[in-house]
Amino acid sequence: MITGWLKGQFTHLLFTYILFYNVFIKSYRTIVIKLLIKLKSKKDKSSTTTERDILNLLNTEVTLRSKRELIERFISDNLPDIKDADNITTEFENFWDKEKQVAFDKMVKEESLSSERTEKLIEDYLFAERTPMRDEVLELIEGEKPSLLQRKKSGDRILQRIMDFVETFINGMMG
């Protein structure tokens, strides 16, 4: 009977966590897009205020700091060319997906990683929320593996790049 009660409590906590994650964390993407739409539809002084609101959000929310440069680039390079505010969501998602693919390809090329295995490692990390082990990361390398003396340094560097990629392009921006 206690086991059933604990299982019920665990299920409730898991459901609450998933709901919180989906509503709170994923909402950053929605907030940014709403502010971009507001910025596009405002004129002169109010657009300056809206742009300041966006920059304040990017500076104060830890989850968005790694995304600041990309969002600023979207505002300066893409937003002026968008005629209809209704297209901002699609344009922003296209921009984000393109930048994510460029960053992924660059990381894979510079570190000589298997693209497919790197994608799988990222998917597993996102699903299990368990940081990959150094040996798992080193298995992604195609070709010559680092020497025993270089394994820690190489593994830590690659792992950090993968974690930075996830933080910038996935956390808080999917949905």
N, C-alpha and C. Protein backbone atom coordinates (compact mmCIF):
# COMPACT_ATOMS: atom_id res chain seq x y z
N MET A 1 0.81 -1.18 0.00
CA MET A 1 0.00 0.00 0.00
C MET A 1 0.86 1.26 0.00
N ILE A 2 1.92 1.27 0.79
CA ILE A 2 2.84 2.42 0.80
C ILE A 2 3.51 2.54 -0.56
N THR A 3 3.88 1.40 -1.15
CA THR A 3 4.53 1.43 -2.44
C THR A 3 3.63 2.10 -3.47
N GLY A 4 2.34 1.77 -3.47
CA GLY A 4 1.39 2.39 -4.39
C GLY A 4 1.27 3.89 -4.15
N TRP A 5 1.26 4.29 -2.89
CA TRP A 5 1.18 5.71 -2.55
C TRP A 5 2.42 6.45 -3.07
N LEU A 6 3.63 5.85 -2.83
CA LEU A 6 4.87 6.47 -3.30
C LEU A 6 4.88 6.57 -4.82
N LYS A 7 4.40 5.53 -5.48
CA LYS A 7 4.36 5.54 -6.93
C LYS A 7 3.44 6.66 -7.41
N GLY A 8 2.31 6.83 -6.75
CA GLY A 8 1.38 7.90 -7.11
C GLY A 8 1.99 9.27 -6.89
N GLN A 9 2.73 9.44 -5.78
CA GLN A 9 3.39 10.71 -5.50
C GLN A 9 4.46 11.01 -6.55
N PHE A 10 5.22 9.97 -6.91
CA PHE A 10 6.26 10.14 -7.92
C PHE A 10 5.64 10.53 -9.26
N THR A 11 4.56 9.87 -9.64
CA THR A 11 3.89 10.18 -10.89
C THR A 11 3.39 11.62 -10.88
N HIS A 12 2.82 12.04 -9.75
CA HIS A 12 2.33 13.42 -9.63
C HIS A 12 3.48 14.43 -9.76
N LEU A 13 4.60 14.15 -9.08
CA LEU A 13 5.75 15.05 -9.17
C LEU A 13 6.31 15.10 -10.58
N LEU A 14 6.39 13.95 -11.24
CA LEU A 14 6.89 13.89 -12.60
C LEU A 14 5.98 14.70 -13.53
N PHE A 15 4.68 14.51 -13.38
CA PHE A 15 3.72 15.26 -14.21
C PHE A 15 3.87 16.76 -13.97
N THR A 16 4.00 17.16 -12.70
CA THR A 16 4.16 18.58 -12.36
C THR A 16 5.44 19.13 -12.98
N TYR A 17 6.53 18.37 -12.92
CA TYR A 17 7.80 18.81 -13.50
C TYR A 17 7.66 18.99 -15.01
N ILE A 18 7.05 18.02 -15.67
CA ILE A 18 6.89 18.09 -17.12
C ILE A 18 6.03 19.28 -17.50
N LEU A 19 4.95 19.49 -16.77
CA LEU A 19 4.09 20.63 -17.03
C LEU A 19 4.85 21.95 -16.84
N PHE A 20 5.59 22.07 -15.73
CA PHE A 20 6.39 23.26 -15.45
C PHE A 20 7.40 23.49 -16.57
N TYR A 21 8.10 22.42 -16.96
CA TYR A 21 9.11 22.54 -18.00
C TYR A 21 8.48 23.05 -19.30
N ASN A 22 7.37 22.42 -19.69
CA ASN A 22 6.74 22.79 -20.96
C ASN A 22 6.17 24.20 -20.93
N VAL A 23 5.62 24.63 -19.82
CA VAL A 23 5.01 25.96 -19.75
C VAL A 23 6.06 27.03 -19.52
N PHE A 24 6.97 26.84 -18.57
CA PHE A 24 7.90 27.89 -18.17
C PHE A 24 9.10 27.97 -19.10
N ILE A 25 9.83 26.88 -19.24
CA ILE A 25 11.08 26.91 -20.00
C ILE A 25 10.81 27.16 -21.49
N LYS A 26 9.85 26.44 -22.05
CA LYS A 26 9.60 26.60 -23.48
C LYS A 26 8.97 27.95 -23.80
N SER A 27 8.46 28.64 -22.80
CA SER A 27 7.78 29.89 -23.07
C SER A 27 8.74 31.01 -23.46
N TYR A 28 10.03 30.88 -23.24
CA TYR A 28 10.98 31.92 -23.65
C TYR A 28 10.88 32.17 -25.15
N ARG A 29 10.77 31.12 -25.93
CA ARG A 29 10.63 31.25 -27.37
C ARG A 29 9.39 32.07 -27.69
N THR A 30 8.30 31.75 -27.03
CA THR A 30 7.04 32.46 -27.25
C THR A 30 7.16 33.93 -26.84
N ILE A 31 7.78 34.19 -25.70
CA ILE A 31 7.96 35.56 -25.23
C ILE A 31 8.79 36.37 -26.23
N VAL A 32 9.89 35.79 -26.69
CA VAL A 32 10.75 36.49 -27.65
C VAL A 32 9.98 36.79 -28.92
N ILE A 33 9.23 35.81 -29.43
CA ILE A 33 8.48 36.03 -30.68
C ILE A 33 7.41 37.10 -30.48
N LYS A 34 6.71 37.08 -29.35
CA LYS A 34 5.69 38.10 -29.09
C LYS A 34 6.32 39.50 -29.03
N LEU A 35 7.48 39.60 -28.40
CA LEU A 35 8.16 40.90 -28.35
C LEU A 35 8.62 41.34 -29.74
N LEU A 36 9.07 40.39 -30.56
CA LEU A 36 9.48 40.73 -31.92
C LEU A 36 8.29 41.22 -32.74
N ILE A 37 7.15 40.58 -32.57
CA ILE A 37 5.94 41.02 -33.28
C ILE A 37 5.55 42.42 -32.81
N LYS A 38 5.63 42.64 -31.50
CA LYS A 38 5.31 43.96 -30.95
C LYS A 38 6.28 45.01 -31.50
N LEU A 39 7.56 44.66 -31.56
CA LEU A 39 8.57 45.58 -32.08
C LEU A 39 8.28 45.94 -33.54
N LYS A 40 7.92 44.95 -34.33
CA LYS A 40 7.67 45.18 -35.75
C LYS A 40 6.44 46.05 -35.97
N SER A 41 5.44 45.89 -35.13
CA SER A 41 4.20 46.63 -35.34
C SER A 41 4.20 48.03 -34.71
N LYS A 42 5.21 48.36 -33.92
CA LYS A 42 5.30 49.68 -33.29
C LYS A 42 6.08 50.64 -34.18
N LYS A 43 5.87 51.91 -33.93
CA LYS A 43 6.57 52.95 -34.68
C LYS A 43 7.37 53.84 -33.73
N ASP A 44 8.49 54.32 -34.19
CA ASP A 44 9.32 55.33 -33.53
C ASP A 44 9.60 55.07 -32.04
N LYS A 45 9.08 55.95 -31.14
CA LYS A 45 9.43 55.88 -29.73
C LYS A 45 9.02 54.57 -29.08
N SER A 46 7.84 54.08 -29.39
CA SER A 46 7.40 52.84 -28.76
C SER A 46 8.22 51.64 -29.23
N SER A 47 8.77 51.70 -30.45
CA SER A 47 9.62 50.60 -30.91
C SER A 47 10.95 50.61 -30.16
N THR A 48 11.44 51.79 -29.80
CA THR A 48 12.65 51.89 -28.99
C THR A 48 12.42 51.27 -27.62
N THR A 49 11.27 51.53 -27.04
CA THR A 49 10.93 50.95 -25.74
C THR A 49 10.82 49.43 -25.84
N THR A 50 10.19 48.95 -26.89
CA THR A 50 10.05 47.50 -27.08
C THR A 50 11.41 46.86 -27.30
N GLU A 51 12.26 47.49 -28.07
CA GLU A 51 13.61 46.95 -28.29
C GLU A 51 14.38 46.92 -26.97
N ARG A 52 14.22 47.95 -26.15
CA ARG A 52 14.85 47.97 -24.83
C ARG A 52 14.30 46.83 -23.96
N ASP A 53 13.00 46.56 -24.05
CA ASP A 53 12.40 45.45 -23.31
C ASP A 53 13.02 44.11 -23.72
N ILE A 54 13.23 43.96 -25.02
CA ILE A 54 13.84 42.72 -25.51
C ILE A 54 15.26 42.59 -24.98
N LEU A 55 16.04 43.64 -25.06
CA LEU A 55 17.43 43.60 -24.58
C LEU A 55 17.49 43.36 -23.08
N ASN A 56 16.56 43.97 -22.32
CA ASN A 56 16.50 43.72 -20.88
C ASN A 56 16.19 42.25 -20.59
N LEU A 57 15.27 41.69 -21.34
CA LEU A 57 14.93 40.27 -21.17
C LEU A 57 16.15 39.40 -21.46
N LEU A 58 16.86 39.73 -22.53
CA LEU A 58 18.05 38.94 -22.90
C LEU A 58 19.15 39.06 -21.85
N ASN A 59 19.24 40.21 -21.20
CA ASN A 59 20.27 40.42 -20.18
C ASN A 59 19.91 39.81 -18.84
N THR A 60 18.63 39.79 -18.50
CA THR A 60 18.25 39.36 -17.15
C THR A 60 17.94 37.87 -17.05
N GLU A 61 17.45 37.26 -18.10
CA GLU A 61 17.11 35.83 -18.05
C GLU A 61 18.34 35.00 -18.42
N VAL A 62 18.81 34.22 -17.48
CA VAL A 62 20.02 33.42 -17.66
C VAL A 62 19.91 32.51 -18.89
N THR A 63 18.74 31.90 -19.07
CA THR A 63 18.54 30.98 -20.18
C THR A 63 18.67 31.66 -21.53
N LEU A 64 18.44 32.96 -21.60
CA LEU A 64 18.48 33.67 -22.87
C LEU A 64 19.81 34.35 -23.17
N ARG A 65 20.69 34.42 -22.21
CA ARG A 65 21.96 35.13 -22.43
C ARG A 65 22.77 34.54 -23.58
N SER A 66 22.79 33.22 -23.67
CA SER A 66 23.57 32.59 -24.73
C SER A 66 22.94 32.81 -26.11
N LYS A 67 21.71 33.27 -26.13
CA LYS A 67 20.97 33.46 -27.37
C LYS A 67 20.97 34.92 -27.83
N ARG A 68 21.51 35.79 -27.01
CA ARG A 68 21.44 37.24 -27.25
C ARG A 68 21.95 37.63 -28.63
N GLU A 69 23.15 37.21 -28.96
CA GLU A 69 23.75 37.59 -30.24
C GLU A 69 22.88 37.18 -31.42
N LEU A 70 22.32 35.99 -31.37
CA LEU A 70 21.47 35.51 -32.47
C LEU A 70 20.19 36.33 -32.57
N ILE A 71 19.56 36.60 -31.44
CA ILE A 71 18.31 37.36 -31.46
C ILE A 71 18.58 38.79 -31.93
N GLU A 72 19.66 39.38 -31.48
CA GLU A 72 20.02 40.72 -31.96
C GLU A 72 20.28 40.71 -33.46
N ARG A 73 20.93 39.68 -33.94
CA ARG A 73 21.20 39.58 -35.39
C ARG A 73 19.89 39.44 -36.17
N PHE A 74 18.96 38.65 -35.63
CA PHE A 74 17.65 38.53 -36.28
C PHE A 74 16.96 39.89 -36.35
N ILE A 75 17.02 40.64 -35.25
CA ILE A 75 16.38 41.96 -35.21
C ILE A 75 17.00 42.91 -36.24
N SER A 76 18.32 42.92 -36.31
CA SER A 76 18.97 43.88 -37.22
C SER A 76 18.97 43.43 -38.68
N ASP A 77 19.12 42.12 -38.94
CA ASP A 77 19.25 41.65 -40.32
C ASP A 77 17.94 41.19 -40.95
N ASN A 78 17.05 40.61 -40.17
CA ASN A 78 15.86 39.99 -40.75
C ASN A 78 14.58 40.79 -40.52
N LEU A 79 14.43 41.34 -39.33
CA LEU A 79 13.19 42.01 -38.98
C LEU A 79 12.83 43.16 -39.93
N PRO A 80 13.78 43.99 -40.35
CA PRO A 80 13.42 45.09 -41.26
C PRO A 80 12.85 44.60 -42.60
N ASP A 81 13.22 43.41 -43.04
CA ASP A 81 12.77 42.89 -44.34
C ASP A 81 11.42 42.19 -44.27
N ILE A 82 10.92 41.95 -43.07
CA ILE A 82 9.63 41.27 -42.91
C ILE A 82 8.53 42.32 -43.01
N LYS A 83 7.67 42.17 -44.00
CA LYS A 83 6.62 43.15 -44.24
C LYS A 83 5.41 42.94 -43.33
N ASP A 84 5.04 41.69 -43.12
CA ASP A 84 3.83 41.37 -42.35
C ASP A 84 4.22 40.77 -41.00
N ALA A 85 3.76 41.34 -39.92
CA ALA A 85 4.09 40.84 -38.57
C ALA A 85 3.63 39.40 -38.37
N ASP A 86 2.63 38.97 -39.13
CA ASP A 86 2.16 37.58 -39.02
C ASP A 86 3.21 36.56 -39.47
N ASN A 87 4.20 37.02 -40.23
CA ASN A 87 5.25 36.12 -40.73
C ASN A 87 6.44 36.02 -39.79
N ILE A 88 6.45 36.78 -38.72
CA ILE A 88 7.62 36.82 -37.84
C ILE A 88 7.90 35.45 -37.22
N THR A 89 6.88 34.76 -36.77
CA THR A 89 7.08 33.45 -36.14
C THR A 89 7.78 32.50 -37.11
N THR A 90 7.27 32.41 -38.31
CA THR A 90 7.86 31.51 -39.32
C THR A 90 9.28 31.94 -39.67
N GLU A 91 9.47 33.23 -39.88
CA GLU A 91 10.80 33.73 -40.23
C GLU A 91 11.80 33.50 -39.10
N PHE A 92 11.37 33.73 -37.86
CA PHE A 92 12.25 33.51 -36.72
C PHE A 92 12.62 32.03 -36.60
N GLU A 93 11.64 31.15 -36.75
CA GLU A 93 11.92 29.71 -36.67
C GLU A 93 12.86 29.27 -37.79
N ASN A 94 12.64 29.78 -39.00
CA ASN A 94 13.54 29.45 -40.12
C ASN A 94 14.96 29.94 -39.84
N PHE A 95 15.07 31.16 -39.35
CA PHE A 95 16.37 31.73 -38.98
C PHE A 95 17.04 30.86 -37.92
N TRP A 96 16.29 30.51 -36.87
CA TRP A 96 16.83 29.74 -35.76
C TRP A 96 17.30 28.36 -36.23
N ASP A 97 16.48 27.69 -37.04
CA ASP A 97 16.84 26.36 -37.54
C ASP A 97 18.09 26.42 -38.41
N LYS A 98 18.18 27.45 -39.25
CA LYS A 98 19.37 27.60 -40.12
C LYS A 98 20.62 27.83 -39.28
N GLU A 99 20.53 28.74 -38.31
CA GLU A 99 21.68 29.02 -37.46
C GLU A 99 22.08 27.80 -36.63
N LYS A 100 21.10 27.06 -36.16
CA LYS A 100 21.38 25.84 -35.39
C LYS A 100 22.12 24.83 -36.25
N GLN A 101 21.68 24.66 -37.50
CA GLN A 101 22.33 23.70 -38.39
C GLN A 101 23.75 24.14 -38.73
N VAL A 102 23.94 25.43 -38.96
CA VAL A 102 25.28 25.96 -39.26
C VAL A 102 26.22 25.71 -38.07
N ALA A 103 25.74 25.99 -36.86
CA ALA A 103 26.57 25.79 -35.66
C ALA A 103 26.86 24.31 -35.44
N PHE A 104 25.87 23.46 -35.66
CA PHE A 104 26.08 22.02 -35.50
C PHE A 104 27.11 21.52 -36.50
N ASP A 105 26.96 21.88 -37.77
CA ASP A 105 27.90 21.44 -38.81
C ASP A 105 29.32 21.93 -38.51
N LYS A 106 29.43 23.16 -38.04
CA LYS A 106 30.75 23.72 -37.70
C LYS A 106 31.40 22.94 -36.56
N MET A 107 30.63 22.66 -35.51
CA MET A 107 31.16 21.90 -34.37
C MET A 107 31.60 20.50 -34.81
N VAL A 108 30.76 19.83 -35.58
CA VAL A 108 31.06 18.47 -36.04
C VAL A 108 32.33 18.47 -36.89
N LYS A 109 32.45 19.44 -37.79
CA LYS A 109 33.62 19.51 -38.68
C LYS A 109 34.89 19.82 -37.89
N GLU A 110 34.83 20.86 -37.04
CA GLU A 110 36.03 21.28 -36.31
C GLU A 110 36.53 20.23 -35.33
N GLU A 111 35.62 19.44 -34.78
CA GLU A 111 36.02 18.42 -33.80
C GLU A 111 36.14 17.03 -34.41
N SER A 112 35.91 16.91 -35.73
CA SER A 112 35.95 15.63 -36.45
C SER A 112 35.01 14.61 -35.81
N LEU A 113 33.75 15.01 -35.65
CA LEU A 113 32.76 14.14 -35.01
C LEU A 113 31.83 13.52 -36.04
N SER A 114 31.28 12.37 -35.68
CA SER A 114 30.24 11.75 -36.49
C SER A 114 28.96 12.55 -36.29
N SER A 115 28.40 13.04 -37.37
CA SER A 115 27.19 13.85 -37.30
C SER A 115 26.03 13.05 -36.70
N GLU A 116 25.84 11.84 -37.19
CA GLU A 116 24.72 11.01 -36.73
C GLU A 116 24.86 10.65 -35.25
N ARG A 117 26.06 10.24 -34.84
CA ARG A 117 26.26 9.86 -33.43
C ARG A 117 26.17 11.08 -32.51
N THR A 118 26.60 12.24 -32.99
CA THR A 118 26.49 13.46 -32.19
C THR A 118 25.03 13.84 -32.00
N GLU A 119 24.24 13.76 -33.06
CA GLU A 119 22.80 14.02 -32.94
C GLU A 119 22.16 13.06 -31.94
N LYS A 120 22.52 11.80 -32.02
CA LYS A 120 21.96 10.79 -31.12
C LYS A 120 22.36 11.08 -29.68
N LEU A 121 23.60 11.46 -29.45
CA LEU A 121 24.06 11.79 -28.09
C LEU A 121 23.27 12.98 -27.54
N ILE A 122 23.04 13.99 -28.36
CA ILE A 122 22.27 15.15 -27.93
C ILE A 122 20.83 14.75 -27.61
N GLU A 123 20.22 13.95 -28.47
CA GLU A 123 18.86 13.47 -28.22
C GLU A 123 18.79 12.69 -26.91
N ASP A 124 19.76 11.81 -26.69
CA ASP A 124 19.78 11.03 -25.45
C ASP A 124 19.96 11.93 -24.23
N TYR A 125 20.81 12.93 -24.35
CA TYR A 125 21.03 13.87 -23.25
C TYR A 125 19.74 14.63 -22.93
N LEU A 126 19.05 15.09 -23.96
CA LEU A 126 17.81 15.83 -23.74
C LEU A 126 16.72 14.95 -23.14
N PHE A 127 16.68 13.71 -23.56
CA PHE A 127 15.66 12.79 -23.05
C PHE A 127 15.94 12.38 -21.61
N ALA A 128 17.18 11.96 -21.34
CA ALA A 128 17.53 11.43 -20.02
C ALA A 128 17.98 12.52 -19.04
N GLU A 129 18.33 13.69 -19.56
CA GLU A 129 18.87 14.78 -18.75
C GLU A 129 20.07 14.32 -17.92
N ARG A 130 20.90 13.52 -18.57
CA ARG A 130 22.13 13.01 -17.95
C ARG A 130 23.29 13.46 -18.81
N THR A 131 24.23 14.17 -18.19
CA THR A 131 25.40 14.64 -18.92
C THR A 131 26.19 13.44 -19.44
N PRO A 132 26.54 13.45 -20.73
CA PRO A 132 27.30 12.33 -21.29
C PRO A 132 28.66 12.17 -20.60
N MET A 133 29.10 10.94 -20.52
CA MET A 133 30.41 10.64 -19.97
C MET A 133 31.48 10.99 -21.02
N ARG A 134 32.68 11.25 -20.54
CA ARG A 134 33.78 11.63 -21.43
C ARG A 134 34.02 10.55 -22.49
N ASP A 135 33.96 9.28 -22.10
CA ASP A 135 34.18 8.21 -23.08
C ASP A 135 33.10 8.19 -24.16
N GLU A 136 31.86 8.51 -23.80
CA GLU A 136 30.79 8.59 -24.79
C GLU A 136 31.08 9.70 -25.79
N VAL A 137 31.58 10.80 -25.30
CA VAL A 137 31.90 11.94 -26.16
C VAL A 137 33.07 11.59 -27.07
N LEU A 138 34.08 10.94 -26.53
CA LEU A 138 35.25 10.58 -27.33
C LEU A 138 34.90 9.58 -28.43
N GLU A 139 33.87 8.78 -28.21
CA GLU A 139 33.44 7.82 -29.24
C GLU A 139 32.84 8.51 -30.46
N LEU A 140 32.49 9.77 -30.33
CA LEU A 140 31.93 10.52 -31.45
C LEU A 140 32.99 10.88 -32.48
N ILE A 141 34.26 10.87 -32.06
CA ILE A 141 35.35 11.29 -32.94
C ILE A 141 35.54 10.27 -34.05
N GLU A 142 35.57 10.78 -35.29
CA GLU A 142 35.85 9.93 -36.45
C GLU A 142 37.33 10.06 -36.76
N GLY A 143 37.93 8.97 -37.13
CA GLY A 143 39.34 9.01 -37.45
C GLY A 143 40.19 8.77 -36.21
N GLU A 144 41.34 9.42 -36.20
CA GLU A 144 42.30 9.20 -35.12
C GLU A 144 41.79 9.74 -33.79
N LYS A 145 41.80 8.89 -32.79
CA LYS A 145 41.36 9.27 -31.44
C LYS A 145 42.53 9.96 -30.74
N PRO A 146 42.23 10.81 -29.77
CA PRO A 146 43.31 11.49 -29.03
C PRO A 146 44.13 10.49 -28.20
N SER A 147 45.37 10.84 -27.97
CA SER A 147 46.24 9.99 -27.16
C SER A 147 45.72 9.97 -25.73
N LEU A 148 46.23 9.05 -24.94
CA LEU A 148 45.80 8.94 -23.55
C LEU A 148 46.03 10.25 -22.80
N LEU A 149 47.11 10.94 -23.12
CA LEU A 149 47.41 12.20 -22.45
C LEU A 149 46.43 13.31 -22.85
N GLN A 150 45.86 13.23 -24.04
CA GLN A 150 44.96 14.26 -24.54
C GLN A 150 43.48 13.94 -24.36
N ARG A 151 43.16 12.72 -23.91
CA ARG A 151 41.76 12.30 -23.82
C ARG A 151 40.93 13.21 -22.92
N LYS A 152 41.42 13.53 -21.74
CA LYS A 152 40.64 14.36 -20.81
C LYS A 152 40.40 15.74 -21.41
N LYS A 153 41.47 16.35 -21.90
CA LYS A 153 41.36 17.69 -22.46
C LYS A 153 40.42 17.71 -23.67
N SER A 154 40.58 16.78 -24.59
CA SER A 154 39.73 16.71 -25.78
C SER A 154 38.29 16.40 -25.42
N GLY A 155 38.09 15.42 -24.56
CA GLY A 155 36.74 15.05 -24.15
C GLY A 155 36.02 16.19 -23.46
N ASP A 156 36.69 16.89 -22.56
CA ASP A 156 36.08 18.02 -21.86
C ASP A 156 35.75 19.16 -22.81
N ARG A 157 36.64 19.44 -23.76
CA ARG A 157 36.40 20.51 -24.73
C ARG A 157 35.19 20.18 -25.61
N ILE A 158 35.13 18.95 -26.12
CA ILE A 158 34.02 18.55 -26.98
C ILE A 158 32.71 18.56 -26.19
N LEU A 159 32.74 18.03 -24.98
CA LEU A 159 31.54 18.02 -24.15
C LEU A 159 31.05 19.44 -23.89
N GLN A 160 31.96 20.35 -23.61
CA GLN A 160 31.56 21.75 -23.37
C GLN A 160 30.94 22.36 -24.62
N ARG A 161 31.49 22.05 -25.78
CA ARG A 161 30.91 22.59 -27.02
C ARG A 161 29.51 22.05 -27.25
N ILE A 162 29.31 20.77 -26.96
CA ILE A 162 27.98 20.17 -27.11
C ILE A 162 27.00 20.81 -26.13
N MET A 163 27.42 20.99 -24.89
CA MET A 163 26.55 21.59 -23.88
C MET A 163 26.24 23.05 -24.23
N ASP A 164 27.20 23.78 -24.74
CA ASP A 164 26.97 25.16 -25.17
C ASP A 164 25.98 25.20 -26.34
N PHE A 165 26.12 24.26 -27.27
CA PHE A 165 25.20 24.17 -28.40
C PHE A 165 23.77 23.95 -27.91
N VAL A 166 23.60 23.00 -26.99
CA VAL A 166 22.27 22.70 -26.44
C VAL A 166 21.72 23.92 -25.72
N GLU A 167 22.55 24.58 -24.93
CA GLU A 167 22.09 25.75 -24.17
C GLU A 167 21.66 26.88 -25.10
N THR A 168 22.40 27.08 -26.17
CA THR A 168 22.10 28.18 -27.08
C THR A 168 20.90 27.89 -27.97
N PHE A 169 20.87 26.73 -28.58
CA PHE A 169 19.88 26.49 -29.63
C PHE A 169 18.66 25.68 -29.21
N ILE A 170 18.72 24.98 -28.09
CA ILE A 170 17.62 24.08 -27.75
C ILE A 170 16.92 24.50 -26.47
N ASN A 171 17.66 24.66 -25.37
CA ASN A 171 17.03 24.98 -24.09
C ASN A 171 16.28 26.31 -24.17
N GLY A 172 14.99 26.25 -23.87
CA GLY A 172 14.16 27.43 -23.85
C GLY A 172 13.68 27.90 -25.21
N MET A 173 14.11 27.23 -26.29
CA MET A 173 13.74 27.73 -27.61
C MET A 173 12.98 26.71 -28.45
N MET A 174 12.72 25.56 -27.90
CA MET A 174 11.98 24.54 -28.65
C MET A 174 10.51 24.61 -28.27
N GLY A 175 9.68 24.26 -29.21
CA GLY A 175 8.26 24.22 -28.87
C GLY A 175 7.36 24.66 -29.97
